[in-house]
N, C-alpha and C. Protein backbone atom coordinates (compact mmCIF):
# COMPACT_ATOMS: atom_id res chain seq x y z
N MET A 1 -1.03 12.69 27.46
CA MET A 1 -0.32 11.93 27.03
C MET A 1 -1.53 10.54 26.30
N ALA A 2 -1.94 11.04 24.96
CA ALA A 2 -2.34 9.72 24.81
C ALA A 2 -2.00 8.50 24.65
N ASP A 3 -2.93 7.35 24.82
CA ASP A 3 -2.33 5.56 24.63
C ASP A 3 -1.72 5.15 23.44
N LYS A 4 -0.80 4.57 23.23
CA LYS A 4 0.20 4.44 21.84
C LYS A 4 -0.99 3.36 21.42
N HIS A 5 -1.38 3.35 20.45
CA HIS A 5 -2.13 2.10 19.74
C HIS A 5 -1.11 1.26 18.54
N VAL A 6 -1.44 0.19 18.56
CA VAL A 6 -0.50 -0.96 18.03
C VAL A 6 -1.45 -1.92 17.14
N PRO A 7 -1.13 -1.40 16.13
CA PRO A 7 -2.21 -2.28 15.08
C PRO A 7 -1.97 -3.76 14.74
N PRO A 8 -2.40 -4.62 14.82
CA PRO A 8 -2.29 -5.95 14.79
C PRO A 8 -1.67 -6.45 13.31
N LEU A 9 -0.40 -7.51 13.61
CA LEU A 9 0.10 -8.17 12.11
C LEU A 9 -0.88 -7.92 10.62
N LYS A 10 -2.13 -8.51 11.17
CA LYS A 10 -3.07 -8.62 9.80
C LYS A 10 -3.59 -7.12 9.28
N ASP A 11 -3.70 -6.16 10.54
CA ASP A 11 -3.96 -4.94 9.42
C ASP A 11 -2.86 -4.18 9.08
N LEU A 12 -1.71 -4.81 9.50
CA LEU A 12 -0.23 -4.35 8.76
C LEU A 12 -0.13 -4.51 7.38
N LEU A 13 -0.77 -6.38 7.49
CA LEU A 13 -0.49 -6.99 5.80
C LEU A 13 -1.36 -6.42 4.96
N CYS A 14 -2.99 -6.05 5.43
CA CYS A 14 -3.99 -5.92 4.58
C CYS A 14 -3.76 -4.16 3.60
N LEU A 15 -2.52 -3.27 4.90
CA LEU A 15 -2.34 -2.32 3.69
C LEU A 15 -2.17 -2.44 2.36
N THR A 16 -2.74 -1.20 1.29
CA THR A 16 -2.72 -1.18 -0.22
C THR A 16 -1.31 0.00 -0.13
N ILE A 17 -0.33 -1.02 -0.95
CA ILE A 17 0.77 0.39 -1.00
C ILE A 17 1.26 0.64 -2.31
N PRO A 18 1.07 1.83 -2.55
CA PRO A 18 1.73 1.96 -3.93
C PRO A 18 3.33 1.99 -4.52
N ASP A 19 3.23 1.23 -5.20
CA ASP A 19 4.40 1.24 -5.93
C ASP A 19 5.30 1.58 -7.52
N LEU A 20 6.11 1.48 -7.45
CA LEU A 20 6.41 2.20 -9.09
C LEU A 20 5.94 3.36 -9.33
N VAL A 21 5.96 4.18 -8.95
CA VAL A 21 5.30 5.57 -8.94
C VAL A 21 6.03 6.15 -10.31
N GLU A 22 5.23 6.46 -11.29
CA GLU A 22 5.63 7.21 -12.74
C GLU A 22 5.22 8.19 -13.10
N PRO A 23 5.66 9.26 -13.09
CA PRO A 23 5.28 10.83 -13.22
C PRO A 23 4.57 11.02 -15.09
N SER A 24 3.97 11.35 -15.65
CA SER A 24 4.41 11.44 -17.09
C SER A 24 4.92 12.44 -17.64
N PRO A 25 5.59 12.52 -18.77
CA PRO A 25 6.50 13.49 -19.45
C PRO A 25 6.17 14.75 -18.82
N LYS A 26 4.63 15.34 -19.13
CA LYS A 26 4.16 16.61 -18.60
C LYS A 26 4.42 17.11 -17.29
N GLY A 27 4.25 16.05 -16.42
CA GLY A 27 4.01 16.00 -15.21
C GLY A 27 2.50 16.49 -14.74
N THR A 28 1.39 15.86 -15.65
CA THR A 28 -0.15 16.36 -15.12
C THR A 28 -0.44 15.63 -14.54
N ASN A 29 -0.21 13.92 -15.17
CA ASN A 29 -0.64 12.77 -14.73
C ASN A 29 0.60 11.65 -13.92
N VAL A 30 -0.02 10.79 -13.29
CA VAL A 30 0.93 9.87 -12.38
C VAL A 30 0.31 8.90 -12.52
N ALA A 31 0.79 7.83 -13.03
CA ALA A 31 0.54 6.18 -13.36
C ALA A 31 1.08 5.17 -12.09
N TYR A 32 0.51 4.41 -11.29
CA TYR A 32 1.43 3.96 -10.13
C TYR A 32 0.57 2.29 -10.41
N ILE A 33 1.20 1.16 -9.71
CA ILE A 33 0.86 0.22 -9.63
C ILE A 33 0.63 -0.52 -7.89
N VAL A 34 -0.34 -0.80 -7.36
CA VAL A 34 -0.88 -0.62 -6.39
C VAL A 34 -0.63 -2.36 -5.77
N THR A 35 0.19 -2.66 -5.01
CA THR A 35 0.54 -4.01 -4.05
C THR A 35 -0.58 -4.10 -2.88
N LYS A 36 -1.01 -5.19 -2.87
CA LYS A 36 -1.62 -5.50 -1.78
C LYS A 36 -2.12 -7.36 -1.17
N THR A 37 -2.42 -7.51 -0.11
CA THR A 37 -2.21 -8.61 -0.12
C THR A 37 -3.40 -9.84 -0.69
N ASN A 38 -2.76 -10.61 -1.28
CA ASN A 38 -3.94 -11.56 -1.61
C ASN A 38 -3.99 -13.00 -0.89
N TRP A 39 -5.40 -13.20 0.17
CA TRP A 39 -5.05 -13.80 1.13
C TRP A 39 -5.92 -15.48 0.28
N ARG A 40 -6.64 -15.22 -0.17
CA ARG A 40 -6.94 -16.29 -1.40
C ARG A 40 -5.66 -17.55 -2.15
N VAL A 41 -4.72 -16.63 -2.43
CA VAL A 41 -3.54 -17.36 -2.89
C VAL A 41 -2.49 -17.67 -1.81
N ASN A 42 -2.71 -16.58 -0.66
CA ASN A 42 -1.64 -16.52 0.43
C ASN A 42 -0.09 -15.77 -0.07
N ARG A 43 -0.73 -14.83 -0.90
CA ARG A 43 0.71 -13.61 -1.46
C ARG A 43 0.67 -12.36 -1.10
N TYR A 44 1.79 -11.80 -1.31
CA TYR A 44 1.64 -10.48 -1.19
C TYR A 44 2.09 -9.93 -2.79
């Protein structure tokens, strides 16, 4: 049985998360906004 790895909180906060995914009318393209941590202004 493999050991469970628990990532540190900072690693979880650094994840880039796709948000507001919107397919094109024909369904051939996808537009999305990416949310990520901004450490300089202390915002997410």
